[in-house]
Amino acid sequence: MANMLVTLRLALGLVPIFMDVIKSLENEIPIAGQGEAKAEALRGIVVEAFKIVPDRLQFGIDDAALARYATAAATIIVSLLKKTGIWK
C-alpha cells in the first residue's frame, strides 16, 4: 500500500511538469491540428525521462507501466486542452 501511495504521489506531482512541457511544445509549434504529434512528443519525453530514473523499478514503474502512464497522461492533458479551447 505504501508503494502505491508513493507511486501515486509521484504521478500526480508530474502533472505540472507535463503541463510545462505541453506549453513549451505549443509555444514552439503553434500550428493548429498538431495535437496528436504534440501528444506523441510528450509521451516520448515522459518515457525517456523515466528511463534514466534509477529507482523507478522500486516504485513498480517497469517499461509496460511507463508506457501506459505516459500514454494516459498525454491523452488526458491533450483532451483537457481541447475541451477548454486552448488547442483547437
PDB file of N, CA and C in Angstrom:
ATOM      1  N   MET A   1       0.818  -1.194   0.000  1.00  0.00           N
ATOM      2  CA  MET A   1       0.000   0.000   0.000  1.00  0.00           C
ATOM      3  C   MET A   1       0.864   1.262   0.000  1.00  0.00           C
ATOM      4  N   ALA A   2       1.939   1.240   0.791  1.00  0.00           N
ATOM      5  CA  ALA A   2       2.812   2.407   0.868  1.00  0.00           C
ATOM      6  C   ALA A   2       3.458   2.691  -0.487  1.00  0.00           C
ATOM      7  N   ASN A   3       3.889   1.616  -1.192  1.00  0.00           N
ATOM      8  CA  ASN A   3       4.472   1.813  -2.520  1.00  0.00           C
ATOM      9  C   ASN A   3       3.467   2.420  -3.480  1.00  0.00           C
ATOM     10  N   MET A   4       2.216   1.987  -3.382  1.00  0.00           N
ATOM     11  CA  MET A   4       1.181   2.520  -4.257  1.00  0.00           C
ATOM     12  C   MET A   4       0.984   4.012  -4.005  1.00  0.00           C
ATOM     13  N   LEU A   5       0.971   4.418  -2.757  1.00  0.00           N
ATOM     14  CA  LEU A   5       0.802   5.830  -2.427  1.00  0.00           C
ATOM     15  C   LEU A   5       1.986   6.665  -2.896  1.00  0.00           C
ATOM     16  N   VAL A   6       3.190   6.118  -2.765  1.00  0.00           N
ATOM     17  CA  VAL A   6       4.376   6.819  -3.244  1.00  0.00           C
ATOM     18  C   VAL A   6       4.303   6.979  -4.758  1.00  0.00           C
ATOM     19  N   THR A   7       3.903   5.921  -5.436  1.00  0.00           N
ATOM     20  CA  THR A   7       3.782   5.972  -6.897  1.00  0.00           C
ATOM     21  C   THR A   7       2.710   6.974  -7.313  1.00  0.00           C
ATOM     22  N   LEU A   8       1.580   6.976  -6.626  1.00  0.00           N
ATOM     23  CA  LEU A   8       0.512   7.932  -6.933  1.00  0.00           C
ATOM     24  C   LEU A   8       0.988   9.363  -6.704  1.00  0.00           C
ATOM     25  N   ARG A   9       1.664   9.598  -5.604  1.00  0.00           N
ATOM     26  CA  ARG A   9       2.178  10.937  -5.306  1.00  0.00           C
ATOM     27  C   ARG A   9       3.157  11.373  -6.397  1.00  0.00           C
ATOM     28  N   LEU A  10       4.019  10.459  -6.829  1.00  0.00           N
ATOM     29  CA  LEU A  10       4.970  10.753  -7.890  1.00  0.00           C
ATOM     30  C   LEU A  10       4.241  11.104  -9.182  1.00  0.00           C
ATOM     31  N   ALA A  11       3.240  10.299  -9.527  1.00  0.00           N
ATOM     32  CA  ALA A  11       2.490  10.525 -10.763  1.00  0.00           C
ATOM     33  C   ALA A  11       1.777  11.871 -10.742  1.00  0.00           C
ATOM     34  N   LEU A  12       1.117  12.187  -9.651  1.00  0.00           N
ATOM     35  CA  LEU A  12       0.393  13.457  -9.562  1.00  0.00           C
ATOM     36  C   LEU A  12       1.345  14.646  -9.528  1.00  0.00           C
ATOM     37  N   GLY A  13       2.498  14.446  -8.931  1.00  0.00           N
ATOM     38  CA  GLY A  13       3.486  15.517  -8.888  1.00  0.00           C
ATOM     39  C   GLY A  13       4.056  15.865 -10.248  1.00  0.00           C
ATOM     40  N   LEU A  14       3.917  14.953 -11.198  1.00  0.00           N
ATOM     41  CA  LEU A  14       4.432  15.194 -12.544  1.00  0.00           C
ATOM     42  C   LEU A  14       3.492  16.013 -13.418  1.00  0.00           C
ATOM     43  N   VAL A  15       2.243  16.137 -13.019  1.00  0.00           N
ATOM     44  CA  VAL A  15       1.267  16.852 -13.858  1.00  0.00           C
ATOM     45  C   VAL A  15       1.727  18.277 -14.178  1.00  0.00           C
ATOM     46  N   PRO A  16       2.180  19.067 -13.204  1.00  0.00           N
ATOM     47  CA  PRO A  16       2.650  20.421 -13.556  1.00  0.00           C
ATOM     48  C   PRO A  16       3.831  20.402 -14.540  1.00  0.00           C
ATOM     49  N   ILE A  17       4.682  19.397 -14.399  1.00  0.00           N
ATOM     50  CA  ILE A  17       5.810  19.285 -15.329  1.00  0.00           C
ATOM     51  C   ILE A  17       5.298  18.985 -16.734  1.00  0.00           C
ATOM     52  N   PHE A  18       4.325  18.061 -16.838  1.00  0.00           N
ATOM     53  CA  PHE A  18       3.736  17.752 -18.147  1.00  0.00           C
ATOM     54  C   PHE A  18       3.100  18.988 -18.761  1.00  0.00           C
ATOM     55  N   MET A  19       2.416  19.765 -17.934  1.00  0.00           N
ATOM     56  CA  MET A  19       1.779  20.979 -18.450  1.00  0.00           C
ATOM     57  C   MET A  19       2.832  21.956 -18.978  1.00  0.00           C
ATOM     58  N   ASP A  20       3.952  22.074 -18.290  1.00  0.00           N
ATOM     59  CA  ASP A  20       5.034  22.939 -18.766  1.00  0.00           C
ATOM     60  C   ASP A  20       5.586  22.445 -20.095  1.00  0.00           C
ATOM     61  N   VAL A  21       5.722  21.123 -20.228  1.00  0.00           N
ATOM     62  CA  VAL A  21       6.212  20.560 -21.488  1.00  0.00           C
ATOM     63  C   VAL A  21       5.221  20.858 -22.603  1.00  0.00           C
ATOM     64  N   ILE A  22       3.938  20.665 -22.339  1.00  0.00           N
ATOM     65  CA  ILE A  22       2.913  20.943 -23.343  1.00  0.00           C
ATOM     66  C   ILE A  22       2.930  22.418 -23.744  1.00  0.00           C
ATOM     67  N   LYS A  23       3.051  23.311 -22.760  1.00  0.00           N
ATOM     68  CA  LYS A  23       3.118  24.750 -23.068  1.00  0.00           C
ATOM     69  C   LYS A  23       4.336  25.059 -23.939  1.00  0.00           C
ATOM     70  N   SER A  24       5.456  24.438 -23.617  1.00  0.00           N
ATOM     71  CA  SER A  24       6.662  24.648 -24.415  1.00  0.00           C
ATOM     72  C   SER A  24       6.463  24.156 -25.847  1.00  0.00           C
ATOM     73  N   LEU A  25       5.864  22.967 -25.975  1.00  0.00           N
ATOM     74  CA  LEU A  25       5.587  22.441 -27.311  1.00  0.00           C
ATOM     75  C   LEU A  25       4.653  23.366 -28.076  1.00  0.00           C
ATOM     76  N   GLU A  26       3.645  23.871 -27.393  1.00  0.00           N
ATOM     77  CA  GLU A  26       2.679  24.767 -28.043  1.00  0.00           C
ATOM     78  C   GLU A  26       3.350  26.068 -28.467  1.00  0.00           C
ATOM     79  N   ASN A  27       4.234  26.589 -27.636  1.00  0.00           N
ATOM     80  CA  ASN A  27       4.948  27.818 -27.989  1.00  0.00           C
ATOM     81  C   ASN A  27       5.892  27.612 -29.166  1.00  0.00           C
ATOM     82  N   GLU A  28       6.532  26.458 -29.200  1.00  0.00           N
ATOM     83  CA  GLU A  28       7.492  26.178 -30.264  1.00  0.00           C
ATOM     84  C   GLU A  28       6.830  25.708 -31.556  1.00  0.00           C
ATOM     85  N   ILE A  29       5.664  25.066 -31.423  1.00  0.00           N
ATOM     86  CA  ILE A  29       4.946  24.545 -32.594  1.00  0.00           C
ATOM     87  C   ILE A  29       3.489  25.026 -32.512  1.00  0.00           C
ATOM     88  N   PRO A  30       3.253  26.306 -32.804  1.00  0.00           N
ATOM     89  CA  PRO A  30       1.900  26.858 -32.650  1.00  0.00           C
ATOM     90  C   PRO A  30       0.988  26.585 -33.842  1.00  0.00           C
ATOM     91  N   ILE A  31       1.111  25.408 -34.416  1.00  0.00           N
ATOM     92  CA  ILE A  31       0.334  25.064 -35.598  1.00  0.00           C
ATOM     93  C   ILE A  31      -0.908  24.281 -35.171  1.00  0.00           C
ATOM     94  N   ALA A  32      -2.074  24.745 -35.594  1.00  0.00           N
ATOM     95  CA  ALA A  32      -3.321  24.052 -35.263  1.00  0.00           C
ATOM     96  C   ALA A  32      -3.353  22.686 -35.926  1.00  0.00           C
ATOM     97  N   GLY A  33      -4.039  21.747 -35.277  1.00  0.00           N
ATOM     98  CA  GLY A  33      -4.211  20.422 -35.846  1.00  0.00           C
ATOM     99  C   GLY A  33      -3.042  19.483 -35.603  1.00  0.00           C
ATOM    100  N   GLN A  34      -2.114  19.878 -34.771  1.00  0.00           N
ATOM    101  CA  GLN A  34      -0.946  19.045 -34.498  1.00  0.00           C
ATOM    102  C   GLN A  34      -0.965  18.461 -33.085  1.00  0.00           C
ATOM    103  N   GLY A  35      -2.158  18.382 -32.489  1.00  0.00           N
ATOM    104  CA  GLY A  35      -2.294  17.878 -31.124  1.00  0.00           C
ATOM    105  C   GLY A  35      -1.768  16.470 -30.952  1.00  0.00           C
ATOM    106  N   GLU A  36      -2.036  15.604 -31.921  1.00  0.00           N
ATOM    107  CA  GLU A  36      -1.568  14.218 -31.811  1.00  0.00           C
ATOM    108  C   GLU A  36      -0.043  14.155 -31.873  1.00  0.00           C
ATOM    109  N   ALA A  37       0.558  14.947 -32.734  1.00  0.00           N
ATOM    110  CA  ALA A  37       2.019  14.967 -32.820  1.00  0.00           C
ATOM    111  C   ALA A  37       2.624  15.487 -31.520  1.00  0.00           C
ATOM    112  N   LYS A  38       1.986  16.501 -30.947  1.00  0.00           N
ATOM    113  CA  LYS A  38       2.474  17.058 -29.680  1.00  0.00           C
ATOM    114  C   LYS A  38       2.282  16.056 -28.545  1.00  0.00           C
ATOM    115  N   ALA A  39       1.169  15.335 -28.560  1.00  0.00           N
ATOM    116  CA  ALA A  39       0.928  14.311 -27.538  1.00  0.00           C
ATOM    117  C   ALA A  39       1.956  13.194 -27.665  1.00  0.00           C
ATOM    118  N   GLU A  40       2.281  12.815 -28.883  1.00  0.00           N
ATOM    119  CA  GLU A  40       3.298  11.787 -29.109  1.00  0.00           C
ATOM    120  C   GLU A  40       4.661  12.266 -28.602  1.00  0.00           C
ATOM    121  N   ALA A  41       4.957  13.535 -28.809  1.00  0.00           N
ATOM    122  CA  ALA A  41       6.210  14.087 -28.287  1.00  0.00           C
ATOM    123  C   ALA A  41       6.227  14.021 -26.762  1.00  0.00           C
ATOM    124  N   LEU A  42       5.100  14.361 -26.131  1.00  0.00           N
ATOM    125  CA  LEU A  42       5.018  14.292 -24.671  1.00  0.00           C
ATOM    126  C   LEU A  42       5.219  12.855 -24.196  1.00  0.00           C
ATOM    127  N   ARG A  43       4.571  11.907 -24.852  1.00  0.00           N
ATOM    128  CA  ARG A  43       4.741  10.500 -24.477  1.00  0.00           C
ATOM    129  C   ARG A  43       6.213  10.095 -24.559  1.00  0.00           C
ATOM    130  N   GLY A  44       6.857  10.470 -25.631  1.00  0.00           N
ATOM    131  CA  GLY A  44       8.265  10.134 -25.801  1.00  0.00           C
ATOM    132  C   GLY A  44       9.150  10.773 -24.740  1.00  0.00           C
ATOM    133  N   ILE A  45       8.878  12.020 -24.420  1.00  0.00           N
ATOM    134  CA  ILE A  45       9.649  12.726 -23.398  1.00  0.00           C
ATOM    135  C   ILE A  45       9.485  12.044 -22.048  1.00  0.00           C
ATOM    136  N   VAL A  46       8.250  11.697 -21.699  1.00  0.00           N
ATOM    137  CA  VAL A  46       7.994  11.046 -20.409  1.00  0.00           C
ATOM    138  C   VAL A  46       8.701   9.698 -20.338  1.00  0.00           C
ATOM    139  N   VAL A  47       8.577   8.896 -21.369  1.00  0.00           N
ATOM    140  CA  VAL A  47       9.194   7.570 -21.372  1.00  0.00           C
ATOM    141  C   VAL A  47      10.711   7.688 -21.227  1.00  0.00           C
ATOM    142  N   GLU A  48      11.322   8.552 -21.999  1.00  0.00           N
ATOM    143  CA  GLU A  48      12.776   8.682 -21.940  1.00  0.00           C
ATOM    144  C   GLU A  48      13.234   9.266 -20.607  1.00  0.00           C
ATOM    145  N   ALA A  49      12.474  10.196 -20.069  1.00  0.00           N
ATOM    146  CA  ALA A  49      12.830  10.782 -18.774  1.00  0.00           C
ATOM    147  C   ALA A  49      12.815   9.715 -17.675  1.00  0.00           C
ATOM    148  N   PHE A  50      11.792   8.885 -17.686  1.00  0.00           N
ATOM    149  CA  PHE A  50      11.696   7.852 -16.653  1.00  0.00           C
ATOM    150  C   PHE A  50      12.756   6.772 -16.802  1.00  0.00           C
ATOM    151  N   LYS A  51      13.223   6.547 -18.009  1.00  0.00           N
ATOM    152  CA  LYS A  51      14.240   5.517 -18.209  1.00  0.00           C
ATOM    153  C   LYS A  51      15.535   5.847 -17.474  1.00  0.00           C
ATOM    154  N   ILE A  52      15.773   7.123 -17.216  1.00  0.00           N
ATOM    155  CA  ILE A  52      17.007   7.497 -16.527  1.00  0.00           C
ATOM    156  C   ILE A  52      16.848   7.559 -15.016  1.00  0.00           C
ATOM    157  N   VAL A  53      15.634   7.326 -14.518  1.00  0.00           N
ATOM    158  CA  VAL A  53      15.405   7.332 -13.070  1.00  0.00           C
ATOM    159  C   VAL A  53      15.791   5.958 -12.527  1.00  0.00           C
ATOM    160  N   PRO A  54      16.864   5.871 -11.752  1.00  0.00           N
ATOM    161  CA  PRO A  54      17.357   4.566 -11.325  1.00  0.00           C
ATOM    162  C   PRO A  54      16.408   3.811 -10.389  1.00  0.00           C
ATOM    163  N   ASP A  55      15.592   4.491  -9.627  1.00  0.00           N
ATOM    164  CA  ASP A  55      14.732   3.832  -8.643  1.00  0.00           C
ATOM    165  C   ASP A  55      13.335   3.535  -9.174  1.00  0.00           C
ATOM    166  N   ARG A  56      13.099   3.722 -10.456  1.00  0.00           N
ATOM    167  CA  ARG A  56      11.735   3.576 -10.963  1.00  0.00           C
ATOM    168  C   ARG A  56      11.178   2.167 -10.768  1.00  0.00           C
ATOM    169  N   LEU A  57      12.012   1.153 -10.881  1.00  0.00           N
ATOM    170  CA  LEU A  57      11.532  -0.216 -10.702  1.00  0.00           C
ATOM    171  C   LEU A  57      11.103  -0.466  -9.263  1.00  0.00           C
ATOM    172  N   GLN A  58      11.746   0.213  -8.329  1.00  0.00           N
ATOM    173  CA  GLN A  58      11.372   0.094  -6.920  1.00  0.00           C
ATOM    174  C   GLN A  58       9.926   0.545  -6.704  1.00  0.00           C
ATOM    175  N   PHE A  59       9.478   1.485  -7.503  1.00  0.00           N
ATOM    176  CA  PHE A  59       8.117   2.003  -7.383  1.00  0.00           C
ATOM    177  C   PHE A  59       7.135   1.305  -8.323  1.00  0.00           C
ATOM    178  N   GLY A  60       7.563   0.221  -8.935  1.00  0.00           N
ATOM    179  CA  GLY A  60       6.684  -0.535  -9.809  1.00  0.00           C
ATOM    180  C   GLY A  60       6.517   0.081 -11.184  1.00  0.00           C
ATOM    181  N   ILE A  61       7.458   0.906 -11.589  1.00  0.00           N
ATOM    182  CA  ILE A  61       7.362   1.569 -12.887  1.00  0.00           C
ATOM    183  C   ILE A  61       8.275   0.825 -13.867  1.00  0.00           C
ATOM    184  N   ASP A  62       7.799  -0.315 -14.361  1.00  0.00           N
ATOM    185  CA  ASP A  62       8.560  -1.035 -15.373  1.00  0.00           C
ATOM    186  C   ASP A  62       8.226  -0.441 -16.742  1.00  0.00           C
ATOM    187  N   ASP A  63       8.810  -0.976 -17.799  1.00  0.00           N
ATOM    188  CA  ASP A  63       8.605  -0.388 -19.128  1.00  0.00           C
ATOM    189  C   ASP A  63       7.142  -0.378 -19.549  1.00  0.00           C
ATOM    190  N   ALA A  64       6.414  -1.446 -19.244  1.00  0.00           N
ATOM    191  CA  ALA A  64       4.998  -1.507 -19.627  1.00  0.00           C
ATOM    192  C   ALA A  64       4.185  -0.473 -18.853  1.00  0.00           C
ATOM    193  N   ALA A  65       4.436  -0.360 -17.550  1.00  0.00           N
ATOM    194  CA  ALA A  65       3.715   0.629 -16.739  1.00  0.00           C
ATOM    195  C   ALA A  65       4.060   2.042 -17.199  1.00  0.00           C
ATOM    196  N   LEU A  66       5.305   2.254 -17.536  1.00  0.00           N
ATOM    197  CA  LEU A  66       5.753   3.556 -18.004  1.00  0.00           C
ATOM    198  C   LEU A  66       5.037   3.948 -19.297  1.00  0.00           C
ATOM    199  N   ALA A  67       4.940   3.032 -20.217  1.00  0.00           N
ATOM    200  CA  ALA A  67       4.254   3.309 -21.483  1.00  0.00           C
ATOM    201  C   ALA A  67       2.780   3.611 -21.258  1.00  0.00           C
ATOM    202  N   ARG A  68       2.137   2.837 -20.378  1.00  0.00           N
ATOM    203  CA  ARG A  68       0.712   3.085 -20.088  1.00  0.00           C
ATOM    204  C   ARG A  68       0.534   4.458 -19.443  1.00  0.00           C
ATOM    205  N   TYR A  69       1.374   4.784 -18.479  1.00  0.00           N
ATOM    206  CA  TYR A  69       1.247   6.063 -17.782  1.00  0.00           C
ATOM    207  C   TYR A  69       1.480   7.232 -18.736  1.00  0.00           C
ATOM    208  N   ALA A  70       2.530   7.142 -19.535  1.00  0.00           N
ATOM    209  CA  ALA A  70       2.837   8.228 -20.462  1.00  0.00           C
ATOM    210  C   ALA A  70       1.705   8.437 -21.455  1.00  0.00           C
ATOM    211  N   THR A  71       1.154   7.349 -21.964  1.00  0.00           N
ATOM    212  CA  THR A  71       0.046   7.449 -22.915  1.00  0.00           C
ATOM    213  C   THR A  71      -1.187   8.049 -22.251  1.00  0.00           C
ATOM    214  N   ALA A  72      -1.512   7.568 -21.061  1.00  0.00           N
ATOM    215  CA  ALA A  72      -2.680   8.098 -20.349  1.00  0.00           C
ATOM    216  C   ALA A  72      -2.503   9.567 -20.009  1.00  0.00           C
ATOM    217  N   ALA A  73      -1.337   9.939 -19.513  1.00  0.00           N
ATOM    218  CA  ALA A  73      -1.094  11.332 -19.131  1.00  0.00           C
ATOM    219  C   ALA A  73      -1.216  12.251 -20.338  1.00  0.00           C
ATOM    220  N   ALA A  74      -0.595  11.864 -21.438  1.00  0.00           N
ATOM    221  CA  ALA A  74      -0.659  12.694 -22.641  1.00  0.00           C
ATOM    222  C   ALA A  74      -2.082  12.800 -23.159  1.00  0.00           C
ATOM    223  N   THR A  75      -2.803  11.704 -23.165  1.00  0.00           N
ATOM    224  CA  THR A  75      -4.180  11.697 -23.655  1.00  0.00           C
ATOM    225  C   THR A  75      -5.077  12.588 -22.799  1.00  0.00           C
ATOM    226  N   ILE A  76      -4.942  12.485 -21.493  1.00  0.00           N
ATOM    227  CA  ILE A  76      -5.761  13.289 -20.581  1.00  0.00           C
ATOM    228  C   ILE A  76      -5.450  14.771 -20.738  1.00  0.00           C
ATOM    229  N   ILE A  77      -4.169  15.118 -20.804  1.00  0.00           N
ATOM    230  CA  ILE A  77      -3.793  16.530 -20.918  1.00  0.00           C
ATOM    231  C   ILE A  77      -4.242  17.105 -22.254  1.00  0.00           C
ATOM    232  N   VAL A  78      -4.038  16.370 -23.337  1.00  0.00           N
ATOM    233  CA  VAL A  78      -4.469  16.852 -24.651  1.00  0.00           C
ATOM    234  C   VAL A  78      -5.985  16.997 -24.689  1.00  0.00           C
ATOM    235  N   SER A  79      -6.708  16.053 -24.104  1.00  0.00           N
ATOM    236  CA  SER A  79      -8.165  16.144 -24.045  1.00  0.00           C
ATOM    237  C   SER A  79      -8.598  17.399 -23.294  1.00  0.00           C
ATOM    238  N   LEU A  80      -7.955  17.667 -22.173  1.00  0.00           N
ATOM    239  CA  LEU A  80      -8.270  18.868 -21.401  1.00  0.00           C
ATOM    240  C   LEU A  80      -8.010  20.131 -22.220  1.00  0.00           C
ATOM    241  N   LEU A  81      -6.883  20.175 -22.902  1.00  0.00           N
ATOM    242  CA  LEU A  81      -6.548  21.355 -23.696  1.00  0.00           C
ATOM    243  C   LEU A  81      -7.543  21.565 -24.831  1.00  0.00           C
ATOM    244  N   LYS A  82      -8.016  20.477 -25.421  1.00  0.00           N
ATOM    245  CA  LYS A  82      -9.013  20.595 -26.493  1.00  0.00           C
ATOM    246  C   LYS A  82     -10.365  21.036 -25.937  1.00  0.00           C
ATOM    247  N   LYS A  83     -10.799  20.442 -24.815  1.00  0.00           N
ATOM    248  CA  LYS A  83     -12.095  20.788 -24.241  1.00  0.00           C
ATOM    249  C   LYS A  83     -12.148  22.234 -23.773  1.00  0.00           C
ATOM    250  N   THR A  84     -11.027  22.746 -23.292  1.00  0.00           N
ATOM    251  CA  THR A  84     -11.009  24.125 -22.805  1.00  0.00           C
ATOM    252  C   THR A  84     -10.774  25.136 -23.911  1.00  0.00           C
ATOM    253  N   GLY A  85     -10.514  24.646 -25.121  1.00  0.00           N
ATOM    254  CA  GLY A  85     -10.328  25.547 -26.252  1.00  0.00           C
ATOM    255  C   GLY A  85      -8.906  26.062 -26.408  1.00  0.00           C
ATOM    256  N   ILE A  86      -7.996  25.607 -25.556  1.00  0.00           N
ATOM    257  CA  ILE A  86      -6.611  26.028 -25.683  1.00  0.00           C
ATOM    258  C   ILE A  86      -6.024  25.474 -26.971  1.00  0.00           C
ATOM    259  N   TRP A  87      -6.346  24.204 -27.274  1.00  0.00           N
ATOM    260  CA  TRP A  87      -5.980  23.612 -28.556  1.00  0.00           C
ATOM    261  C   TRP A  87      -7.250  23.442 -29.360  1.00  0.00           C
ATOM    262  N   LYS A  88      -7.174  23.766 -30.619  1.00  0.00           N
ATOM    263  CA  LYS A  88      -8.347  23.641 -31.484  1.00  0.00           C
ATOM    264  C   LYS A  88      -8.040  22.725 -32.629  1.00  0.00           C
TER     265      LYS A  88
END
